[in-house]
Amino acid sequence: MVELSPVERRQIVTLPPSIAKLTAVKRFVLYGSNLVRIPPEIGAMTSLEEFTPYTSYRLHWFPYEITRCSKLVRSTVSTRTLFGNYKLRPPFPRLQPSQGSVADLDLTALNPGRWGTPAIRSCSVCDQPIKQHGLRQAWISLRVATDVLPLLVNACSATCVDTLPQGAEGYVQFPHTGGNVDQPASDWD
């Protein structure tokens, strides 16, 4: 993004799924971007060690798939803008109700304002294709590298949601669907 003009950078609000091909990238610097979402394909960036979307103030959450970046040890995120941040506790948006079947839902052409992503190809947890089994969305706040991030999970089953780890200390301790979820009291009150 360094080679783009400020006007060109402001026009980029998401990254393409093809970031999955960037398997040798170690540093991913999105400083000051206008991004509103990161695609779940970030999980395929297996060499990623440093993730810096600092001052990307329109990023309020991340895909659960970022937890697949096992080498990720450093992050710099503008945490005050994140859903559930311990300082301000901004609310999590309410997610769509669980879908017992996705037969009538085109998972390749979703409304990102409603589903958080334009496409859901596989389960965030088990990485199996989401076919007709159903779809369950959940929020979970976990430490990823050096920051606690709100993560959007697109799961194929209740079993996959049940296998999610406990939330980070000081955050909601269980997967939830947003809305009026009780968040722990802020230390900054």
N, C-alpha and C. Protein backbone atom coordinates (compact mmCIF):
# COMPACT_ATOMS: atom_id res chain seq x y z
N MET A 1 0.81 -1.19 0.00
CA MET A 1 0.00 0.00 0.00
C MET A 1 0.86 1.26 0.00
N VAL A 2 2.13 1.09 0.31
CA VAL A 2 3.04 2.23 0.38
C VAL A 2 3.15 2.92 -0.98
N GLU A 3 3.05 2.17 -2.05
CA GLU A 3 3.21 2.72 -3.40
C GLU A 3 1.96 3.41 -3.92
N LEU A 4 0.85 3.32 -3.19
CA LEU A 4 -0.40 3.95 -3.62
C LEU A 4 -0.50 5.37 -3.09
N SER A 5 -1.20 6.20 -3.83
CA SER A 5 -1.44 7.57 -3.36
C SER A 5 -2.48 7.51 -2.23
N PRO A 6 -2.57 8.58 -1.42
CA PRO A 6 -3.60 8.60 -0.37
C PRO A 6 -5.01 8.40 -0.92
N VAL A 7 -5.31 8.97 -2.06
CA VAL A 7 -6.63 8.82 -2.67
C VAL A 7 -6.87 7.34 -3.04
N GLU A 8 -5.88 6.69 -3.62
CA GLU A 8 -6.01 5.28 -3.98
C GLU A 8 -6.15 4.41 -2.74
N ARG A 9 -5.39 4.70 -1.69
CA ARG A 9 -5.47 3.92 -0.45
C ARG A 9 -6.86 4.01 0.17
N ARG A 10 -7.48 5.19 0.15
CA ARG A 10 -8.80 5.37 0.75
C ARG A 10 -9.87 4.56 0.04
N GLN A 11 -9.65 4.21 -1.21
CA GLN A 11 -10.63 3.45 -1.97
C GLN A 11 -10.63 1.95 -1.64
N ILE A 12 -9.59 1.49 -0.98
CA ILE A 12 -9.48 0.07 -0.66
C ILE A 12 -10.10 -0.18 0.71
N VAL A 13 -11.24 -0.89 0.74
CA VAL A 13 -11.94 -1.16 2.00
C VAL A 13 -11.85 -2.63 2.42
N THR A 14 -11.40 -3.48 1.54
CA THR A 14 -11.18 -4.87 1.89
C THR A 14 -10.06 -5.40 1.00
N LEU A 15 -9.54 -6.53 1.38
CA LEU A 15 -8.48 -7.17 0.60
C LEU A 15 -9.08 -8.37 -0.12
N PRO A 16 -8.51 -8.76 -1.24
CA PRO A 16 -9.07 -9.89 -1.99
C PRO A 16 -8.74 -11.23 -1.32
N PRO A 17 -9.55 -12.25 -1.58
CA PRO A 17 -9.27 -13.58 -1.05
C PRO A 17 -7.91 -14.12 -1.50
N SER A 18 -7.37 -13.56 -2.57
CA SER A 18 -6.08 -14.01 -3.09
C SER A 18 -4.91 -13.74 -2.13
N ILE A 19 -5.16 -13.05 -0.99
CA ILE A 19 -4.07 -12.90 -0.03
C ILE A 19 -3.64 -14.27 0.49
N ALA A 20 -4.46 -15.28 0.28
CA ALA A 20 -4.10 -16.64 0.68
C ALA A 20 -2.84 -17.11 -0.03
N LYS A 21 -2.53 -16.51 -1.16
CA LYS A 21 -1.33 -16.89 -1.92
C LYS A 21 -0.06 -16.29 -1.33
N LEU A 22 -0.19 -15.39 -0.37
CA LEU A 22 0.97 -14.71 0.19
C LEU A 22 1.56 -15.52 1.35
N THR A 23 1.88 -16.76 1.10
CA THR A 23 2.32 -17.67 2.16
C THR A 23 3.74 -17.39 2.65
N ALA A 24 4.52 -16.61 1.94
CA ALA A 24 5.89 -16.31 2.37
C ALA A 24 6.00 -14.95 3.07
N VAL A 25 4.92 -14.19 3.10
CA VAL A 25 4.93 -12.86 3.72
C VAL A 25 5.11 -12.99 5.23
N LYS A 26 6.09 -12.26 5.76
CA LYS A 26 6.36 -12.28 7.20
C LYS A 26 5.81 -11.04 7.90
N ARG A 27 5.84 -9.89 7.21
CA ARG A 27 5.34 -8.64 7.78
C ARG A 27 4.20 -8.14 6.91
N PHE A 28 3.06 -7.88 7.53
CA PHE A 28 1.89 -7.39 6.82
C PHE A 28 1.53 -6.06 7.45
N VAL A 29 1.95 -4.96 6.81
CA VAL A 29 1.76 -3.62 7.35
C VAL A 29 0.63 -2.93 6.59
N LEU A 30 -0.43 -2.62 7.32
CA LEU A 30 -1.60 -1.95 6.76
C LEU A 30 -1.83 -0.63 7.49
N TYR A 31 -0.75 -0.01 7.91
CA TYR A 31 -0.79 1.21 8.71
C TYR A 31 -1.67 2.27 8.04
N GLY A 32 -2.64 2.77 8.80
CA GLY A 32 -3.47 3.87 8.33
C GLY A 32 -4.39 3.52 7.17
N SER A 33 -4.72 2.26 7.02
CA SER A 33 -5.58 1.87 5.90
C SER A 33 -7.03 2.30 6.15
N ASN A 34 -7.83 2.18 5.12
CA ASN A 34 -9.26 2.48 5.18
C ASN A 34 -10.07 1.17 5.19
N LEU A 35 -9.40 0.08 5.50
CA LEU A 35 -10.05 -1.24 5.48
C LEU A 35 -11.17 -1.33 6.50
N VAL A 36 -12.25 -2.00 6.11
CA VAL A 36 -13.36 -2.27 7.03
C VAL A 36 -13.41 -3.75 7.42
N ARG A 37 -12.70 -4.60 6.70
CA ARG A 37 -12.64 -6.02 7.04
C ARG A 37 -11.41 -6.65 6.40
N ILE A 38 -10.97 -7.71 7.04
CA ILE A 38 -9.87 -8.54 6.56
C ILE A 38 -10.51 -9.86 6.14
N PRO A 39 -10.20 -10.40 4.98
CA PRO A 39 -10.82 -11.66 4.57
C PRO A 39 -10.30 -12.85 5.39
N PRO A 40 -11.13 -13.87 5.55
CA PRO A 40 -10.71 -15.05 6.30
C PRO A 40 -9.49 -15.74 5.70
N GLU A 41 -9.22 -15.50 4.46
CA GLU A 41 -8.06 -16.11 3.80
C GLU A 41 -6.73 -15.68 4.40
N ILE A 42 -6.75 -14.71 5.31
CA ILE A 42 -5.51 -14.33 6.00
C ILE A 42 -4.94 -15.54 6.73
N GLY A 43 -5.77 -16.48 7.11
CA GLY A 43 -5.31 -17.68 7.81
C GLY A 43 -4.34 -18.53 7.02
N ALA A 44 -4.31 -18.35 5.71
CA ALA A 44 -3.38 -19.11 4.85
C ALA A 44 -1.99 -18.47 4.80
N MET A 45 -1.84 -17.30 5.38
CA MET A 45 -0.54 -16.62 5.38
C MET A 45 0.32 -17.24 6.49
N THR A 46 0.77 -18.45 6.25
CA THR A 46 1.41 -19.28 7.27
C THR A 46 2.77 -18.78 7.76
N SER A 47 3.41 -17.89 7.04
CA SER A 47 4.70 -17.35 7.47
C SER A 47 4.57 -16.03 8.22
N LEU A 48 3.35 -15.54 8.35
CA LEU A 48 3.11 -14.23 8.95
C LEU A 48 3.63 -14.18 10.39
N GLU A 49 4.51 -13.22 10.66
CA GLU A 49 5.09 -13.03 11.99
C GLU A 49 4.64 -11.72 12.62
N GLU A 50 4.37 -10.72 11.78
CA GLU A 50 4.00 -9.39 12.28
C GLU A 50 2.81 -8.86 11.49
N PHE A 51 1.80 -8.39 12.21
CA PHE A 51 0.58 -7.86 11.60
C PHE A 51 0.35 -6.47 12.18
N THR A 52 0.35 -5.45 11.29
CA THR A 52 0.26 -4.07 11.74
C THR A 52 -0.82 -3.29 10.98
N PRO A 53 -2.07 -3.39 11.47
CA PRO A 53 -3.11 -2.54 10.89
C PRO A 53 -3.33 -1.28 11.75
N TYR A 54 -2.28 -0.81 12.42
CA TYR A 54 -2.40 0.32 13.34
C TYR A 54 -2.96 1.54 12.63
N THR A 55 -3.77 2.28 13.30
CA THR A 55 -4.50 3.46 12.82
C THR A 55 -5.41 3.15 11.64
N SER A 56 -5.80 1.91 11.48
CA SER A 56 -6.84 1.53 10.52
C SER A 56 -8.15 1.55 11.31
N TYR A 57 -8.66 2.75 11.53
CA TYR A 57 -9.74 2.98 12.48
C TYR A 57 -11.09 2.41 12.08
N ARG A 58 -11.21 1.91 10.86
CA ARG A 58 -12.48 1.31 10.44
C ARG A 58 -12.50 -0.21 10.66
N LEU A 59 -11.38 -0.77 11.11
CA LEU A 59 -11.32 -2.19 11.45
C LEU A 59 -11.78 -2.36 12.90
N HIS A 60 -12.92 -3.03 13.09
CA HIS A 60 -13.48 -3.22 14.42
C HIS A 60 -13.43 -4.67 14.88
N TRP A 61 -13.07 -5.59 13.98
CA TRP A 61 -13.02 -7.02 14.27
C TRP A 61 -12.16 -7.70 13.21
N PHE A 62 -11.84 -8.98 13.44
CA PHE A 62 -11.00 -9.75 12.53
C PHE A 62 -11.59 -11.15 12.36
N PRO A 63 -11.24 -11.83 11.28
CA PRO A 63 -11.75 -13.19 11.10
C PRO A 63 -11.02 -14.17 12.04
N TYR A 64 -11.74 -15.15 12.54
CA TYR A 64 -11.16 -16.16 13.43
C TYR A 64 -9.98 -16.87 12.77
N GLU A 65 -10.01 -16.96 11.46
CA GLU A 65 -8.95 -17.66 10.72
C GLU A 65 -7.56 -17.08 10.97
N ILE A 66 -7.46 -15.86 11.46
CA ILE A 66 -6.14 -15.29 11.75
C ILE A 66 -5.42 -16.12 12.82
N THR A 67 -6.17 -16.88 13.60
CA THR A 67 -5.54 -17.74 14.62
C THR A 67 -4.75 -18.88 13.99
N ARG A 68 -4.93 -19.13 12.70
CA ARG A 68 -4.16 -20.17 12.00
C ARG A 68 -2.74 -19.70 11.67
N CYS A 69 -2.47 -18.44 11.83
CA CYS A 69 -1.13 -17.89 11.56
C CYS A 69 -0.27 -18.19 12.78
N SER A 70 0.22 -19.41 12.86
CA SER A 70 0.90 -19.89 14.07
C SER A 70 2.23 -19.20 14.36
N LYS A 71 2.81 -18.53 13.38
CA LYS A 71 4.08 -17.82 13.59
C LYS A 71 3.86 -16.36 13.98
N LEU A 72 2.62 -15.92 14.01
CA LEU A 72 2.31 -14.52 14.31
C LEU A 72 2.62 -14.23 15.78
N VAL A 73 3.61 -13.37 16.02
CA VAL A 73 4.04 -13.05 17.39
C VAL A 73 3.95 -11.57 17.72
N ARG A 74 3.84 -10.70 16.70
CA ARG A 74 3.76 -9.27 16.94
C ARG A 74 2.57 -8.69 16.19
N SER A 75 1.84 -7.85 16.90
CA SER A 75 0.74 -7.14 16.26
C SER A 75 0.68 -5.73 16.83
N THR A 76 0.22 -4.82 16.02
CA THR A 76 -0.01 -3.45 16.45
C THR A 76 -1.36 -3.05 15.88
N VAL A 77 -2.35 -3.06 16.75
CA VAL A 77 -3.73 -2.80 16.34
C VAL A 77 -4.26 -1.62 17.16
N SER A 78 -5.06 -0.78 16.55
CA SER A 78 -5.71 0.32 17.27
C SER A 78 -6.86 -0.28 18.08
N THR A 79 -6.54 -0.77 19.27
CA THR A 79 -7.50 -1.57 20.03
C THR A 79 -8.71 -0.78 20.52
N ARG A 80 -8.59 0.52 20.67
CA ARG A 80 -9.75 1.30 21.15
C ARG A 80 -10.92 1.27 20.17
N THR A 81 -10.66 0.94 18.93
CA THR A 81 -11.74 0.91 17.94
C THR A 81 -12.38 -0.47 17.83
N LEU A 82 -11.89 -1.44 18.59
CA LEU A 82 -12.37 -2.82 18.46
C LEU A 82 -13.61 -3.08 19.30
N PHE A 83 -14.51 -3.91 18.77
CA PHE A 83 -15.69 -4.33 19.54
C PHE A 83 -15.22 -4.99 20.83
N GLY A 84 -15.83 -4.61 21.94
CA GLY A 84 -15.53 -5.23 23.22
C GLY A 84 -14.24 -4.79 23.87
N ASN A 85 -13.53 -3.82 23.29
CA ASN A 85 -12.25 -3.39 23.85
C ASN A 85 -12.41 -3.07 25.33
N TYR A 86 -11.44 -3.51 26.14
CA TYR A 86 -11.55 -3.40 27.59
C TYR A 86 -11.60 -1.96 28.09
N LYS A 87 -11.14 -1.01 27.33
CA LYS A 87 -11.16 0.38 27.79
C LYS A 87 -12.52 1.04 27.59
N LEU A 88 -13.14 0.77 26.45
CA LEU A 88 -14.38 1.46 26.09
C LEU A 88 -15.61 0.55 26.03
N ARG A 89 -15.40 -0.75 25.85
CA ARG A 89 -16.47 -1.75 25.74
C ARG A 89 -17.52 -1.42 24.68
N PRO A 90 -17.09 -1.03 23.44
CA PRO A 90 -18.10 -0.83 22.40
C PRO A 90 -18.84 -2.16 22.16
N PRO A 91 -20.15 -2.10 21.92
CA PRO A 91 -20.92 -3.33 21.78
C PRO A 91 -20.58 -4.09 20.49
N PHE A 92 -20.80 -5.39 20.55
CA PHE A 92 -20.67 -6.24 19.38
C PHE A 92 -21.98 -6.19 18.60
N PRO A 93 -21.91 -6.08 17.28
CA PRO A 93 -23.15 -6.15 16.50
C PRO A 93 -23.81 -7.52 16.67
N ARG A 94 -25.12 -7.54 16.63
CA ARG A 94 -25.85 -8.81 16.71
C ARG A 94 -25.62 -9.56 15.41
N LEU A 95 -25.27 -10.84 15.54
CA LEU A 95 -25.04 -11.68 14.37
C LEU A 95 -26.35 -12.31 13.90
N GLN A 96 -26.32 -12.84 12.70
CA GLN A 96 -27.48 -13.51 12.13
C GLN A 96 -27.81 -14.77 12.93
N PRO A 97 -29.08 -15.11 13.03
CA PRO A 97 -29.44 -16.36 13.72
C PRO A 97 -28.81 -17.56 13.01
N SER A 98 -28.59 -18.63 13.76
CA SER A 98 -28.04 -19.85 13.18
C SER A 98 -28.94 -20.33 12.05
N GLN A 99 -28.30 -20.81 11.00
CA GLN A 99 -29.03 -21.32 9.84
C GLN A 99 -28.94 -22.84 9.87
N GLY A 100 -30.06 -23.51 10.04
CA GLY A 100 -30.07 -24.98 10.06
C GLY A 100 -29.66 -25.55 8.71
N SER A 101 -29.93 -24.79 7.67
CA SER A 101 -29.56 -25.18 6.32
C SER A 101 -29.19 -23.92 5.55
N VAL A 102 -28.23 -24.04 4.68
CA VAL A 102 -27.85 -22.90 3.84
C VAL A 102 -28.23 -23.16 2.38
N ALA A 103 -29.15 -24.09 2.18
CA ALA A 103 -29.57 -24.45 0.83
C ALA A 103 -30.11 -23.25 0.05
N ASP A 104 -30.77 -22.33 0.75
CA ASP A 104 -31.34 -21.15 0.09
C ASP A 104 -30.46 -19.92 0.19
N LEU A 105 -29.22 -20.10 0.62
CA LEU A 105 -28.31 -18.98 0.82
C LEU A 105 -27.09 -19.16 -0.07
N ASP A 106 -26.83 -18.18 -0.92
CA ASP A 106 -25.65 -18.24 -1.78
C ASP A 106 -24.45 -17.75 -0.98
N LEU A 107 -23.65 -18.68 -0.49
CA LEU A 107 -22.52 -18.34 0.37
C LEU A 107 -21.39 -17.64 -0.37
N THR A 108 -21.48 -17.55 -1.69
CA THR A 108 -20.44 -16.87 -2.47
C THR A 108 -20.84 -15.43 -2.81
N ALA A 109 -22.06 -15.03 -2.45
CA ALA A 109 -22.53 -13.68 -2.76
C ALA A 109 -23.34 -13.14 -1.58
N LEU A 110 -22.68 -12.97 -0.45
CA LEU A 110 -23.34 -12.49 0.76
C LEU A 110 -23.23 -10.97 0.87
N ASN A 111 -24.15 -10.40 1.60
CA ASN A 111 -24.10 -8.98 1.91
C ASN A 111 -23.15 -8.81 3.10
N PRO A 112 -21.96 -8.21 2.91
CA PRO A 112 -21.01 -8.09 4.01
C PRO A 112 -21.55 -7.28 5.19
N GLY A 113 -22.46 -6.35 4.94
CA GLY A 113 -23.05 -5.59 6.03
C GLY A 113 -23.91 -6.46 6.92
N ARG A 114 -24.42 -7.53 6.40
CA ARG A 114 -25.27 -8.44 7.16
C ARG A 114 -24.50 -9.63 7.72
N TRP A 115 -23.55 -10.16 6.94
CA TRP A 115 -22.84 -11.38 7.32
C TRP A 115 -21.38 -11.15 7.73
N GLY A 116 -20.86 -9.92 7.53
CA GLY A 116 -19.48 -9.62 7.91
C GLY A 116 -18.46 -9.95 6.83
N THR A 117 -18.89 -10.60 5.78
CA THR A 117 -18.00 -11.01 4.70
C THR A 117 -18.81 -11.22 3.43
N PRO A 118 -18.20 -11.03 2.27
CA PRO A 118 -18.95 -11.25 1.02
C PRO A 118 -19.09 -12.73 0.65
N ALA A 119 -18.31 -13.60 1.31
CA ALA A 119 -18.39 -15.03 1.00
C ALA A 119 -17.90 -15.84 2.19
N ILE A 120 -18.53 -16.99 2.39
CA ILE A 120 -18.08 -17.93 3.41
C ILE A 120 -17.84 -19.25 2.69
N ARG A 121 -16.58 -19.64 2.62
CA ARG A 121 -16.23 -20.84 1.88
C ARG A 121 -16.08 -22.07 2.76
N SER A 122 -15.57 -21.84 4.00
CA SER A 122 -15.34 -22.99 4.87
C SER A 122 -15.53 -22.58 6.32
N CYS A 123 -15.59 -23.57 7.17
CA CYS A 123 -15.76 -23.36 8.60
C CYS A 123 -14.50 -22.72 9.16
N SER A 124 -14.66 -21.69 9.96
CA SER A 124 -13.53 -21.01 10.58
C SER A 124 -12.77 -21.93 11.53
N VAL A 125 -13.44 -22.93 12.07
CA VAL A 125 -12.85 -23.78 13.09
C VAL A 125 -12.22 -25.03 12.49
N CYS A 126 -13.00 -25.83 11.75
CA CYS A 126 -12.50 -27.11 11.23
C CYS A 126 -12.02 -27.02 9.79
N ASP A 127 -12.25 -25.91 9.13
CA ASP A 127 -11.83 -25.66 7.75
C ASP A 127 -12.54 -26.54 6.71
N GLN A 128 -13.60 -27.21 7.12
CA GLN A 128 -14.38 -28.01 6.17
C GLN A 128 -15.34 -27.09 5.42
N PRO A 129 -15.68 -27.43 4.19
CA PRO A 129 -16.62 -26.59 3.44
C PRO A 129 -17.97 -26.49 4.17
N ILE A 130 -18.53 -25.30 4.14
CA ILE A 130 -19.89 -25.13 4.66
C ILE A 130 -20.81 -25.42 3.50
N LYS A 131 -21.45 -26.54 3.60
CA LYS A 131 -22.34 -26.94 2.51
C LYS A 131 -23.76 -26.71 2.97
N GLN A 132 -24.52 -27.76 3.12
CA GLN A 132 -25.91 -27.63 3.52
C GLN A 132 -26.08 -27.90 5.01
N HIS A 133 -24.99 -28.10 5.72
CA HIS A 133 -25.05 -28.44 7.13
C HIS A 133 -25.62 -27.33 7.99
N GLY A 134 -25.45 -26.13 7.57
CA GLY A 134 -25.89 -25.01 8.37
C GLY A 134 -24.74 -24.06 8.63
N LEU A 135 -25.07 -22.97 9.25
CA LEU A 135 -24.08 -21.93 9.52
C LEU A 135 -24.40 -21.31 10.86
N ARG A 136 -23.38 -21.22 11.70
CA ARG A 136 -23.50 -20.57 12.99
C ARG A 136 -22.40 -19.53 13.09
N GLN A 137 -22.79 -18.31 13.40
CA GLN A 137 -21.80 -17.25 13.58
C GLN A 137 -21.66 -16.95 15.07
N ALA A 138 -20.44 -16.61 15.46
CA ALA A 138 -20.19 -16.27 16.87
C ALA A 138 -19.04 -15.28 16.94
N TRP A 139 -19.04 -14.51 18.01
CA TRP A 139 -17.93 -13.64 18.36
C TRP A 139 -17.14 -14.30 19.48
N ILE A 140 -15.83 -14.16 19.46
CA ILE A 140 -14.96 -14.59 20.55
C ILE A 140 -13.78 -13.62 20.59
N SER A 141 -13.40 -13.19 21.79
CA SER A 141 -12.26 -12.28 21.95
C SER A 141 -11.07 -13.08 22.44
N LEU A 142 -10.01 -13.14 21.63
CA LEU A 142 -8.83 -13.93 21.96
C LEU A 142 -7.56 -13.12 21.76
N ARG A 143 -6.53 -13.49 22.52
CA ARG A 143 -5.22 -12.89 22.31
C ARG A 143 -4.65 -13.47 21.02
N VAL A 144 -4.30 -12.59 20.11
CA VAL A 144 -3.64 -12.95 18.85
C VAL A 144 -2.37 -12.12 18.82
N ALA A 145 -1.25 -12.78 18.89
CA ALA A 145 0.04 -12.10 18.99
C ALA A 145 0.03 -11.24 20.25
N THR A 146 0.13 -9.92 20.11
CA THR A 146 0.23 -9.06 21.29
C THR A 146 -1.05 -8.31 21.63
N ASP A 147 -2.14 -8.57 20.91
CA ASP A 147 -3.40 -7.85 21.15
C ASP A 147 -4.55 -8.83 21.34
N VAL A 148 -5.55 -8.42 22.12
CA VAL A 148 -6.80 -9.17 22.21
C VAL A 148 -7.70 -8.64 21.12
N LEU A 149 -8.13 -9.55 20.23
CA LEU A 149 -8.94 -9.15 19.08
C LEU A 149 -10.33 -9.79 19.13
N PRO A 150 -11.35 -9.03 18.73
CA PRO A 150 -12.66 -9.64 18.55
C PRO A 150 -12.64 -10.40 17.22
N LEU A 151 -12.99 -11.67 17.28
CA LEU A 151 -12.90 -12.53 16.10
C LEU A 151 -14.29 -13.01 15.71
N LEU A 152 -14.58 -12.94 14.41
CA LEU A 152 -15.83 -13.45 13.87
C LEU A 152 -15.62 -14.89 13.42
N VAL A 153 -16.42 -15.78 13.98
CA VAL A 153 -16.36 -17.20 13.66
C VAL A 153 -17.55 -17.55 12.78
N ASN A 154 -17.28 -18.22 11.65
CA ASN A 154 -18.33 -18.79 10.79
C ASN A 154 -18.18 -20.29 10.89
N ALA A 155 -19.04 -20.91 11.69
CA ALA A 155 -18.89 -22.34 11.98
C ALA A 155 -19.94 -23.17 11.27
N CYS A 156 -19.55 -24.40 10.97
CA CYS A 156 -20.45 -25.31 10.26
C CYS A 156 -21.37 -26.07 11.21
N SER A 157 -21.08 -26.04 12.50
CA SER A 157 -21.90 -26.81 13.44
C SER A 157 -21.77 -26.25 14.85
N ALA A 158 -22.71 -26.67 15.70
CA ALA A 158 -22.63 -26.32 17.11
C ALA A 158 -21.40 -26.95 17.74
N THR A 159 -21.01 -28.12 17.24
CA THR A 159 -19.81 -28.79 17.75
C THR A 159 -18.58 -27.93 17.55
N CYS A 160 -18.46 -27.32 16.38
CA CYS A 160 -17.31 -26.44 16.12
C CYS A 160 -17.34 -25.23 17.05
N VAL A 161 -18.50 -24.65 17.27
CA VAL A 161 -18.60 -23.51 18.19
C VAL A 161 -18.19 -23.95 19.59
N ASP A 162 -18.62 -25.15 19.99
CA ASP A 162 -18.31 -25.67 21.33
C ASP A 162 -16.82 -25.92 21.53
N THR A 163 -16.06 -26.10 20.45
CA THR A 163 -14.62 -26.36 20.58
C THR A 163 -13.79 -25.08 20.65
N LEU A 164 -14.43 -23.92 20.52
CA LEU A 164 -13.70 -22.65 20.61
C LEU A 164 -13.10 -22.50 22.01
N PRO A 165 -11.93 -21.88 22.10
CA PRO A 165 -11.32 -21.68 23.42
C PRO A 165 -12.09 -20.65 24.24
N GLN A 166 -11.79 -20.60 25.51
CA GLN A 166 -12.36 -19.60 26.39
C GLN A 166 -11.83 -18.24 25.97
N GLY A 167 -12.66 -17.21 26.10
CA GLY A 167 -12.25 -15.86 25.74
C GLY A 167 -11.10 -15.37 26.61
N ALA A 168 -10.43 -14.34 26.16
CA ALA A 168 -9.30 -13.76 26.88
C ALA A 168 -9.75 -13.21 28.23
N GLU A 169 -8.85 -13.24 29.19
CA GLU A 169 -9.15 -12.72 30.52
C GLU A 169 -9.55 -11.26 30.42
N GLY A 170 -10.64 -10.91 31.13
CA GLY A 170 -11.13 -9.54 31.10
C GLY A 170 -12.11 -9.27 29.97
N TYR A 171 -12.44 -10.30 29.21
CA TYR A 171 -13.36 -10.20 28.08
C TYR A 171 -14.47 -11.23 28.26
N VAL A 172 -15.48 -11.19 27.42
CA VAL A 172 -16.53 -12.20 27.46
C VAL A 172 -15.86 -13.56 27.31
N GLN A 173 -16.16 -14.47 28.21
CA GLN A 173 -15.44 -15.73 28.31
C GLN A 173 -15.95 -16.85 27.40
N PHE A 174 -16.98 -16.59 26.64
CA PHE A 174 -17.61 -17.65 25.83
C PHE A 174 -18.00 -17.08 24.47
N PRO A 175 -18.15 -17.95 23.47
CA PRO A 175 -18.63 -17.47 22.17
C PRO A 175 -20.04 -16.91 22.33
N HIS A 176 -20.33 -15.83 21.63
CA HIS A 176 -21.64 -15.20 21.75
C HIS A 176 -22.06 -14.61 20.41
N THR A 177 -23.30 -14.19 20.33
CA THR A 177 -23.84 -13.67 19.07
C THR A 177 -23.98 -12.14 19.08
N GLY A 178 -23.36 -11.48 20.04
CA GLY A 178 -23.39 -10.02 20.06
C GLY A 178 -24.68 -9.47 20.60
N GLY A 179 -24.96 -8.23 20.26
CA GLY A 179 -26.15 -7.58 20.79
C GLY A 179 -25.97 -7.22 22.25
N ASN A 180 -26.94 -7.53 23.08
CA ASN A 180 -26.92 -7.17 24.49
C ASN A 180 -26.17 -8.19 25.35
N VAL A 181 -24.96 -8.53 24.97
CA VAL A 181 -24.15 -9.45 25.76
C VAL A 181 -23.52 -8.66 26.92
N ASP A 182 -23.53 -9.24 28.10
CA ASP A 182 -22.92 -8.58 29.26
C ASP A 182 -21.42 -8.69 29.15
N GLN A 183 -20.76 -7.55 29.03
CA GLN A 183 -19.31 -7.52 28.99
C GLN A 183 -18.79 -7.21 30.39
N PRO A 184 -17.61 -7.68 30.73
CA PRO A 184 -17.04 -7.36 32.04
C PRO A 184 -16.91 -5.84 32.19
N ALA A 185 -16.95 -5.39 33.44
CA ALA A 185 -16.80 -3.96 33.71
C ALA A 185 -15.44 -3.48 33.21
N SER A 186 -15.40 -2.29 32.69
CA SER A 186 -14.15 -1.71 32.20
C SER A 186 -13.28 -1.24 33.36
N ASP A 187 -12.00 -1.44 33.25
CA ASP A 187 -11.05 -0.94 34.24
C ASP A 187 -10.89 0.57 34.12
N TRP A 188 -11.42 1.16 33.08
CA TRP A 188 -11.19 2.57 32.79
C TRP A 188 -12.38 3.45 33.20
N ASP A 189 -13.36 2.86 33.88
CA ASP A 189 -14.55 3.64 34.28
C ASP A 189 -14.20 4.66 35.32
